[in-house]
Amino acid sequence: MKRRGYMEKPTVRASLAAGLGLVLTACAGSLHYWDDRKWVAEMYHAVQQGIYLPADIDPKIQYHDATVQFTYADGALQDAEVVKSSGSEIVDAAIQSQIGAIHVPVPPGPPDVEPHRFQMDVHMQMALEAYTWALHRAIFAAAHNPGGTSVGRVLLDFDYTGGKASNITVTQTSGASEIDKAAVDAVAHAKLPPTPAAFSKITHFVIGFCFGNGDYCGGSSQTVIRVSDKLEAAPGRGP
């Protein structure tokens, strides 16, 4: 698999049932959680990353995009419905069944929130892509900037079998021991997802970090750390 550069998080194309423009122009003082742009973006991102093509699906199926509606209520996504078909009944059924199992962030405000209907466009990822993104998110969540003024990029590789990362190795140092250690610790302490049976033979992965501010790592946000968007089987160590 081809190694990519340092990540930019994927863009989620989405819209509320009344239009995403409603969210983007909502008054900052609104009491409705669905007017909170940050939460809506995080929720849509969680949905997009939870949608993937089953590993056993016919590779000849080329229809991977669809428009869905669902209701957020009682802390979960409910009543998922495909309102614009992907063109494949199999893909549409997978979308509907997977949405109900996706865990989304808790919205701001009081715990008893009013149910709300959402609509978004989704792109079905390949199953391997969904798995590697799950690894990515877990490692990203465990990463912490070592502080100070240190900046640097680090490349690691590691083995992942039996629910535990091992043989974590710095293959390209940042030149600063505290940054290298922060990257190693992120992989070592991440709560990594279980390996799907279809990918049990893929046990070796490569990941890149960038520690620093937005000017150093690129992009407009002040993201402290970035992780490469592809964790891939190393040549000769995959299935």
C-alpha atoms as a PDB file:
ATOM      1  CA  MET A   1       0.000   0.000   0.000  1.00  0.00           C
ATOM      2  CA  LYS A   2       1.206   3.476  -0.780  1.00  0.00           C
ATOM      3  CA  ARG A   3       2.278   5.584   2.167  1.00  0.00           C
ATOM      4  CA  ARG A   4       0.758   9.023   2.372  1.00  0.00           C
ATOM      5  CA  GLY A   5       2.006  12.183   3.992  1.00  0.00           C
ATOM      6  CA  TYR A   6       0.921  13.804   7.211  1.00  0.00           C
ATOM      7  CA  MET A   7      -2.791  13.879   7.622  1.00  0.00           C
ATOM      8  CA  GLU A   8      -5.467  16.389   6.960  1.00  0.00           C
ATOM      9  CA  LYS A   9      -8.675  15.052   8.472  1.00  0.00           C
ATOM     10  CA  PRO A  10     -11.164  14.012   5.780  1.00  0.00           C
ATOM     11  CA  THR A  11     -13.921  16.424   4.915  1.00  0.00           C
ATOM     12  CA  VAL A  12     -17.402  15.165   5.720  1.00  0.00           C
ATOM     13  CA  ARG A  13     -20.003  16.339   3.232  1.00  0.00           C
ATOM     14  CA  ALA A  14     -23.133  16.784   5.280  1.00  0.00           C
ATOM     15  CA  SER A  15     -26.278  18.799   5.669  1.00  0.00           C
ATOM     16  CA  LEU A  16     -29.075  19.078   8.166  1.00  0.00           C
ATOM     17  CA  ALA A  17     -32.533  18.191   6.930  1.00  0.00           C
ATOM     18  CA  ALA A  18     -33.129  21.937   6.575  1.00  0.00           C
ATOM     19  CA  GLY A  19     -29.666  22.487   5.073  1.00  0.00           C
ATOM     20  CA  LEU A  20     -26.194  22.714   6.547  1.00  0.00           C
ATOM     21  CA  GLY A  21     -26.336  26.452   5.940  1.00  0.00           C
ATOM     22  CA  LEU A  22     -28.786  26.640   8.838  1.00  0.00           C
ATOM     23  CA  VAL A  23     -26.139  25.228  11.136  1.00  0.00           C
ATOM     24  CA  LEU A  24     -23.375  27.442   9.863  1.00  0.00           C
ATOM     25  CA  THR A  25     -25.399  30.628  10.242  1.00  0.00           C
ATOM     26  CA  ALA A  26     -27.036  29.790  13.542  1.00  0.00           C
ATOM     27  CA  CYS A  27     -26.770  32.269  16.349  1.00  0.00           C
ATOM     28  CA  ALA A  28     -23.948  31.423  18.722  1.00  0.00           C
ATOM     29  CA  GLY A  29     -26.310  31.919  21.656  1.00  0.00           C
ATOM     30  CA  SER A  30     -28.847  29.351  20.468  1.00  0.00           C
ATOM     31  CA  LEU A  31     -30.034  26.877  23.080  1.00  0.00           C
ATOM     32  CA  HIS A  32     -30.392  24.017  20.584  1.00  0.00           C
ATOM     33  CA  TYR A  33     -27.562  21.478  20.497  1.00  0.00           C
ATOM     34  CA  TRP A  34     -28.076  21.000  16.759  1.00  0.00           C
ATOM     35  CA  ASP A  35     -27.055  24.642  16.261  1.00  0.00           C
ATOM     36  CA  ASP A  36     -23.667  23.971  17.862  1.00  0.00           C
ATOM     37  CA  ARG A  37     -21.374  23.842  14.821  1.00  0.00           C
ATOM     38  CA  LYS A  38     -18.552  22.055  16.629  1.00  0.00           C
ATOM     39  CA  TRP A  39     -20.777  19.277  17.940  1.00  0.00           C
ATOM     40  CA  VAL A  40     -22.544  18.806  14.606  1.00  0.00           C
ATOM     41  CA  ALA A  41     -19.197  18.520  12.805  1.00  0.00           C
ATOM     42  CA  GLU A  42     -17.924  15.967  15.347  1.00  0.00           C
ATOM     43  CA  MET A  43     -21.148  13.976  15.113  1.00  0.00           C
ATOM     44  CA  TYR A  44     -21.070  13.916  11.305  1.00  0.00           C
ATOM     45  CA  HIS A  45     -17.395  12.905  11.391  1.00  0.00           C
ATOM     46  CA  ALA A  46     -18.201  10.000  13.731  1.00  0.00           C
ATOM     47  CA  VAL A  47     -20.975   8.846  11.401  1.00  0.00           C
ATOM     48  CA  GLN A  48     -18.813   9.059   8.285  1.00  0.00           C
ATOM     49  CA  GLN A  49     -15.984   7.130   9.911  1.00  0.00           C
ATOM     50  CA  GLY A  50     -18.416   4.455  11.135  1.00  0.00           C
ATOM     51  CA  ILE A  51     -19.737   3.678   7.651  1.00  0.00           C
ATOM     52  CA  TYR A  52     -17.852   1.075   5.644  1.00  0.00           C
ATOM     53  CA  LEU A  53     -18.409  -1.619   3.079  1.00  0.00           C
ATOM     54  CA  PRO A  54     -18.601  -5.146   4.532  1.00  0.00           C
ATOM     55  CA  ALA A  55     -15.411  -7.109   3.930  1.00  0.00           C
ATOM     56  CA  ASP A  56     -17.277  -9.815   2.023  1.00  0.00           C
ATOM     57  CA  ILE A  57     -19.103  -7.482  -0.357  1.00  0.00           C
ATOM     58  CA  ASP A  58     -18.798  -8.066  -4.091  1.00  0.00           C
ATOM     59  CA  PRO A  59     -15.853  -5.876  -5.237  1.00  0.00           C
ATOM     60  CA  LYS A  60     -17.695  -5.226  -8.501  1.00  0.00           C
ATOM     61  CA  ILE A  61     -20.234  -3.039  -6.672  1.00  0.00           C
ATOM     62  CA  GLN A  62     -19.231   0.520  -7.499  1.00  0.00           C
ATOM     63  CA  TYR A  63     -22.022   2.500  -5.824  1.00  0.00           C
ATOM     64  CA  HIS A  64     -20.678   3.799  -2.528  1.00  0.00           C
ATOM     65  CA  ASP A  65     -22.356   7.200  -1.982  1.00  0.00           C
ATOM     66  CA  ALA A  66     -25.771   7.777  -0.438  1.00  0.00           C
ATOM     67  CA  THR A  67     -27.823  10.313   1.503  1.00  0.00           C
ATOM     68  CA  VAL A  68     -29.200   9.251   4.871  1.00  0.00           C
ATOM     69  CA  GLN A  69     -31.463  10.606   7.579  1.00  0.00           C
ATOM     70  CA  PHE A  70     -31.429   9.616  11.237  1.00  0.00           C
ATOM     71  CA  THR A  71     -32.650  10.908  14.587  1.00  0.00           C
ATOM     72  CA  TYR A  72     -30.427  11.705  17.551  1.00  0.00           C
ATOM     73  CA  ALA A  73     -32.344  10.714  20.700  1.00  0.00           C
ATOM     74  CA  ASP A  74     -31.494   9.235  24.097  1.00  0.00           C
ATOM     75  CA  GLY A  75     -27.769   9.412  23.333  1.00  0.00           C
ATOM     76  CA  ALA A  76     -27.954   7.305  20.176  1.00  0.00           C
ATOM     77  CA  LEU A  77     -28.694   7.457  16.464  1.00  0.00           C
ATOM     78  CA  GLN A  78     -32.062   5.966  15.634  1.00  0.00           C
ATOM     79  CA  ASP A  79     -34.467   5.367  12.722  1.00  0.00           C
ATOM     80  CA  ALA A  80     -31.790   5.488  10.022  1.00  0.00           C
ATOM     81  CA  GLU A  81     -33.211   5.777   6.528  1.00  0.00           C
ATOM     82  CA  VAL A  82     -31.543   5.973   3.126  1.00  0.00           C
ATOM     83  CA  VAL A  83     -33.300   8.820   1.303  1.00  0.00           C
ATOM     84  CA  LYS A  84     -31.013   8.788  -1.731  1.00  0.00           C
ATOM     85  CA  SER A  85     -29.865   5.312  -2.652  1.00  0.00           C
ATOM     86  CA  SER A  86     -26.286   4.357  -3.352  1.00  0.00           C
ATOM     87  CA  GLY A  87     -27.621   2.317  -6.252  1.00  0.00           C
ATOM     88  CA  SER A  88     -27.072  -0.943  -4.398  1.00  0.00           C
ATOM     89  CA  GLU A  89     -29.579  -2.510  -2.020  1.00  0.00           C
ATOM     90  CA  ILE A  90     -26.706  -4.301  -0.258  1.00  0.00           C
ATOM     91  CA  VAL A  91     -24.819  -1.062   0.377  1.00  0.00           C
ATOM     92  CA  ASP A  92     -27.993   0.741   1.496  1.00  0.00           C
ATOM     93  CA  ALA A  93     -28.773  -2.045   3.980  1.00  0.00           C
ATOM     94  CA  ALA A  94     -25.226  -1.902   5.370  1.00  0.00           C
ATOM     95  CA  ILE A  95     -25.513   1.858   5.894  1.00  0.00           C
ATOM     96  CA  GLN A  96     -28.771   1.534   7.792  1.00  0.00           C
ATOM     97  CA  SER A  97     -27.541  -1.251  10.053  1.00  0.00           C
ATOM     98  CA  GLN A  98     -24.195   0.414  10.819  1.00  0.00           C
ATOM     99  CA  ILE A  99     -25.557   3.840  11.744  1.00  0.00           C
ATOM    100  CA  GLY A 100     -27.436   2.461  14.732  1.00  0.00           C
ATOM    101  CA  ALA A 101     -24.194   1.083  16.200  1.00  0.00           C
ATOM    102  CA  ILE A 102     -22.160   4.298  15.871  1.00  0.00           C
ATOM    103  CA  HIS A 103     -21.188   6.090  19.089  1.00  0.00           C
ATOM    104  CA  VAL A 104     -21.331   9.862  18.696  1.00  0.00           C
ATOM    105  CA  PRO A 105     -20.169  12.569  21.124  1.00  0.00           C
ATOM    106  CA  VAL A 106     -22.583  13.764  23.782  1.00  0.00           C
ATOM    107  CA  PRO A 107     -24.097  17.118  22.762  1.00  0.00           C
ATOM    108  CA  PRO A 108     -23.607  20.203  24.940  1.00  0.00           C
ATOM    109  CA  GLY A 109     -26.267  21.351  27.348  1.00  0.00           C
ATOM    110  CA  PRO A 110     -28.564  19.475  29.739  1.00  0.00           C
ATOM    111  CA  PRO A 111     -28.550  15.654  29.683  1.00  0.00           C
ATOM    112  CA  ASP A 112     -32.190  15.370  28.583  1.00  0.00           C
ATOM    113  CA  VAL A 113     -31.965  16.650  25.017  1.00  0.00           C
ATOM    114  CA  GLU A 114     -34.759  16.982  22.527  1.00  0.00           C
ATOM    115  CA  PRO A 115     -34.660  14.452  19.657  1.00  0.00           C
ATOM    116  CA  HIS A 116     -33.657  15.950  16.327  1.00  0.00           C
ATOM    117  CA  ARG A 117     -33.611  14.659  12.766  1.00  0.00           C
ATOM    118  CA  PHE A 118     -30.447  15.021  10.684  1.00  0.00           C
ATOM    119  CA  GLN A 119     -29.545  14.407   7.060  1.00  0.00           C
ATOM    120  CA  MET A 120     -26.106  13.884   5.564  1.00  0.00           C
ATOM    121  CA  ASP A 121     -24.295  12.512   2.550  1.00  0.00           C
ATOM    122  CA  VAL A 122     -22.058   9.536   3.272  1.00  0.00           C
ATOM    123  CA  HIS A 123     -19.333   7.755   1.364  1.00  0.00           C
ATOM    124  CA  MET A 124     -18.921   4.079   2.117  1.00  0.00           C
ATOM    125  CA  GLN A 125     -15.291   3.326   2.944  1.00  0.00           C
ATOM    126  CA  MET A 126     -13.692   0.027   2.190  1.00  0.00           C
ATOM    127  CA  ALA A 127     -13.565  -2.168   5.288  1.00  0.00           C
ATOM    128  CA  LEU A 128      -9.758  -1.943   5.546  1.00  0.00           C
ATOM    129  CA  GLU A 129      -9.931   1.851   5.348  1.00  0.00           C
ATOM    130  CA  ALA A 130     -12.467   1.911   8.184  1.00  0.00           C
ATOM    131  CA  TYR A 131     -10.231  -0.307  10.325  1.00  0.00           C
ATOM    132  CA  THR A 132      -7.110   1.775   9.783  1.00  0.00           C
ATOM    133  CA  TRP A 133      -9.029   4.957  10.556  1.00  0.00           C
ATOM    134  CA  ALA A 134     -10.206   3.388  13.824  1.00  0.00           C
ATOM    135  CA  LEU A 135      -6.563   2.717  14.701  1.00  0.00           C
ATOM    136  CA  HIS A 136      -5.712   6.282  13.728  1.00  0.00           C
ATOM    137  CA  ARG A 137      -8.394   7.796  15.956  1.00  0.00           C
ATOM    138  CA  ALA A 138      -7.361   5.696  18.951  1.00  0.00           C
ATOM    139  CA  ILE A 139      -3.705   6.716  18.644  1.00  0.00           C
ATOM    140  CA  PHE A 140      -4.586  10.356  18.009  1.00  0.00           C
ATOM    141  CA  ALA A 141      -6.698  10.384  21.199  1.00  0.00           C
ATOM    142  CA  ALA A 142      -3.764   9.041  23.232  1.00  0.00           C
ATOM    143  CA  ALA A 143      -1.210  11.524  21.877  1.00  0.00           C
ATOM    144  CA  HIS A 144      -0.022  14.465  23.997  1.00  0.00           C
ATOM    145  CA  ASN A 145       2.336  17.254  23.041  1.00  0.00           C
ATOM    146  CA  PRO A 146       5.434  17.075  25.281  1.00  0.00           C
ATOM    147  CA  GLY A 147       5.179  20.841  25.800  1.00  0.00           C
ATOM    148  CA  GLY A 148       7.755  23.554  25.565  1.00  0.00           C
ATOM    149  CA  THR A 149       8.820  24.942  22.230  1.00  0.00           C
ATOM    150  CA  SER A 150       9.818  21.632  20.685  1.00  0.00           C
ATOM    151  CA  VAL A 151       8.527  20.831  17.217  1.00  0.00           C
ATOM    152  CA  GLY A 152       9.264  17.864  15.020  1.00  0.00           C
ATOM    153  CA  ARG A 153       8.072  15.032  12.844  1.00  0.00           C
ATOM    154  CA  VAL A 154       8.410  11.385  13.804  1.00  0.00           C
ATOM    155  CA  LEU A 155       7.874   8.170  11.871  1.00  0.00           C
ATOM    156  CA  LEU A 156       7.182   4.925  13.732  1.00  0.00           C
ATOM    157  CA  ASP A 157       6.328   1.388  12.885  1.00  0.00           C
ATOM    158  CA  PHE A 158       4.787  -1.221  15.153  1.00  0.00           C
ATOM    159  CA  ASP A 159       3.188  -4.651  15.282  1.00  0.00           C
ATOM    160  CA  TYR A 160      -0.407  -5.075  16.384  1.00  0.00           C
ATOM    161  CA  THR A 161      -1.731  -8.523  17.252  1.00  0.00           C
ATOM    162  CA  GLY A 162      -3.811  -9.874  20.087  1.00  0.00           C
ATOM    163  CA  GLY A 163      -5.111  -6.443  21.036  1.00  0.00           C
ATOM    164  CA  LYS A 164      -1.693  -5.049  21.946  1.00  0.00           C
ATOM    165  CA  ALA A 165       0.873  -2.944  20.092  1.00  0.00           C
ATOM    166  CA  SER A 166       4.449  -4.194  20.289  1.00  0.00           C
ATOM    167  CA  ASN A 167       7.868  -3.660  18.719  1.00  0.00           C
ATOM    168  CA  ILE A 168       7.221   0.088  18.524  1.00  0.00           C
ATOM    169  CA  THR A 169      10.230   1.510  16.690  1.00  0.00           C
ATOM    170  CA  VAL A 170      11.254   5.037  15.734  1.00  0.00           C
ATOM    171  CA  THR A 171      12.262   4.760  12.074  1.00  0.00           C
ATOM    172  CA  GLN A 172      12.648   8.495  11.510  1.00  0.00           C
ATOM    173  CA  THR A 173      13.558  10.581  14.544  1.00  0.00           C
ATOM    174  CA  SER A 174      12.475  14.155  15.149  1.00  0.00           C
ATOM    175  CA  GLY A 175      15.878  14.886  16.628  1.00  0.00           C
ATOM    176  CA  ALA A 176      14.310  15.553  20.030  1.00  0.00           C
ATOM    177  CA  SER A 177      14.054  12.675  22.507  1.00  0.00           C
ATOM    178  CA  GLU A 178      10.956  14.098  24.234  1.00  0.00           C
ATOM    179  CA  ILE A 179       9.050  14.244  20.939  1.00  0.00           C
ATOM    180  CA  ASP A 180      10.089  10.735  19.922  1.00  0.00           C
ATOM    181  CA  LYS A 181       8.999   9.452  23.339  1.00  0.00           C
ATOM    182  CA  ALA A 182       5.609  11.208  23.072  1.00  0.00           C
ATOM    183  CA  ALA A 183       4.965   9.469  19.765  1.00  0.00           C
ATOM    184  CA  VAL A 184       5.971   6.052  21.112  1.00  0.00           C
ATOM    185  CA  ASP A 185       3.817   6.575  24.209  1.00  0.00           C
ATOM    186  CA  ALA A 186       0.791   7.446  22.067  1.00  0.00           C
ATOM    187  CA  VAL A 187       0.942   4.088  20.296  1.00  0.00           C
ATOM    188  CA  ALA A 188       1.770   2.168  23.477  1.00  0.00           C
ATOM    189  CA  HIS A 189      -1.095   3.679  25.500  1.00  0.00           C
ATOM    190  CA  ALA A 190      -3.793   3.875  22.821  1.00  0.00           C
ATOM    191  CA  LYS A 191      -6.950   1.824  23.315  1.00  0.00           C
ATOM    192  CA  LEU A 192      -6.751   0.163  19.931  1.00  0.00           C
ATOM    193  CA  PRO A 193      -9.813  -1.455  18.337  1.00  0.00           C
ATOM    194  CA  PRO A 194     -10.036  -5.205  17.823  1.00  0.00           C
ATOM    195  CA  THR A 195      -8.754  -6.540  14.520  1.00  0.00           C
ATOM    196  CA  PRO A 196     -11.514  -7.712  12.147  1.00  0.00           C
ATOM    197  CA  ALA A 197     -11.098 -11.371  11.229  1.00  0.00           C
ATOM    198  CA  ALA A 198     -10.724 -10.452   7.556  1.00  0.00           C
ATOM    199  CA  PHE A 199      -7.517  -8.518   8.365  1.00  0.00           C
ATOM    200  CA  SER A 200      -5.937 -10.810  10.920  1.00  0.00           C
ATOM    201  CA  LYS A 201      -2.869 -11.298   8.720  1.00  0.00           C
ATOM    202  CA  ILE A 202      -2.131  -7.568   8.566  1.00  0.00           C
ATOM    203  CA  THR A 203       0.000  -7.093  11.669  1.00  0.00           C
ATOM    204  CA  HIS A 204       2.571  -4.410  10.875  1.00  0.00           C
ATOM    205  CA  PHE A 205       1.772  -0.702  10.609  1.00  0.00           C
ATOM    206  CA  VAL A 206       3.487   2.613   9.903  1.00  0.00           C
ATOM    207  CA  ILE A 207       2.417   5.929  11.394  1.00  0.00           C
ATOM    208  CA  GLY A 208       3.694   9.492  11.235  1.00  0.00           C
ATOM    209  CA  PHE A 209       3.329  12.304  13.777  1.00  0.00           C
ATOM    210  CA  CYS A 210       3.825  16.036  13.550  1.00  0.00           C
ATOM    211  CA  PHE A 211       4.221  17.918  16.839  1.00  0.00           C
ATOM    212  CA  GLY A 212       3.937  21.674  16.706  1.00  0.00           C
ATOM    213  CA  ASN A 213       1.479  24.423  15.917  1.00  0.00           C
ATOM    214  CA  GLY A 214      -0.530  24.903  12.750  1.00  0.00           C
ATOM    215  CA  ASP A 215       2.202  26.962  11.106  1.00  0.00           C
ATOM    216  CA  TYR A 216       4.767  24.195  11.574  1.00  0.00           C
ATOM    217  CA  CYS A 217       2.559  21.202  10.757  1.00  0.00           C
ATOM    218  CA  GLY A 218       0.567  22.933   8.037  1.00  0.00           C
ATOM    219  CA  GLY A 219      -3.101  23.743   7.841  1.00  0.00           C
ATOM    220  CA  SER A 220      -5.079  26.579   9.348  1.00  0.00           C
ATOM    221  CA  SER A 221      -5.956  25.046  12.700  1.00  0.00           C
ATOM    222  CA  GLN A 222      -3.729  25.032  15.750  1.00  0.00           C
ATOM    223  CA  THR A 223      -3.726  21.244  15.829  1.00  0.00           C
ATOM    224  CA  VAL A 224      -1.088  20.122  18.308  1.00  0.00           C
ATOM    225  CA  ILE A 225      -0.478  16.758  16.719  1.00  0.00           C
ATOM    226  CA  ARG A 226      -1.301  15.091  13.464  1.00  0.00           C
ATOM    227  CA  VAL A 227      -1.209  11.427  12.592  1.00  0.00           C
ATOM    228  CA  SER A 228      -0.874  10.098   9.067  1.00  0.00           C
ATOM    229  CA  ASP A 229      -4.200   9.149   7.546  1.00  0.00           C
ATOM    230  CA  LYS A 230      -3.018   5.711   6.513  1.00  0.00           C
ATOM    231  CA  LEU A 231      -1.656   3.004   8.754  1.00  0.00           C
ATOM    232  CA  GLU A 232      -0.470   0.419   6.343  1.00  0.00           C
ATOM    233  CA  ALA A 233       0.920  -3.070   6.174  1.00  0.00           C
ATOM    234  CA  ALA A 234       4.649  -2.888   5.575  1.00  0.00           C
ATOM    235  CA  PRO A 235       5.920  -4.548   2.372  1.00  0.00           C
ATOM    236  CA  GLY A 236       6.366  -8.247   2.867  1.00  0.00           C
ATOM    237  CA  ARG A 237       4.663  -8.273   6.278  1.00  0.00           C
ATOM    238  CA  GLY A 238       1.061  -8.051   5.208  1.00  0.00           C
ATOM    239  CA  PRO A 239      -1.274 -10.875   4.199  1.00  0.00           C
END
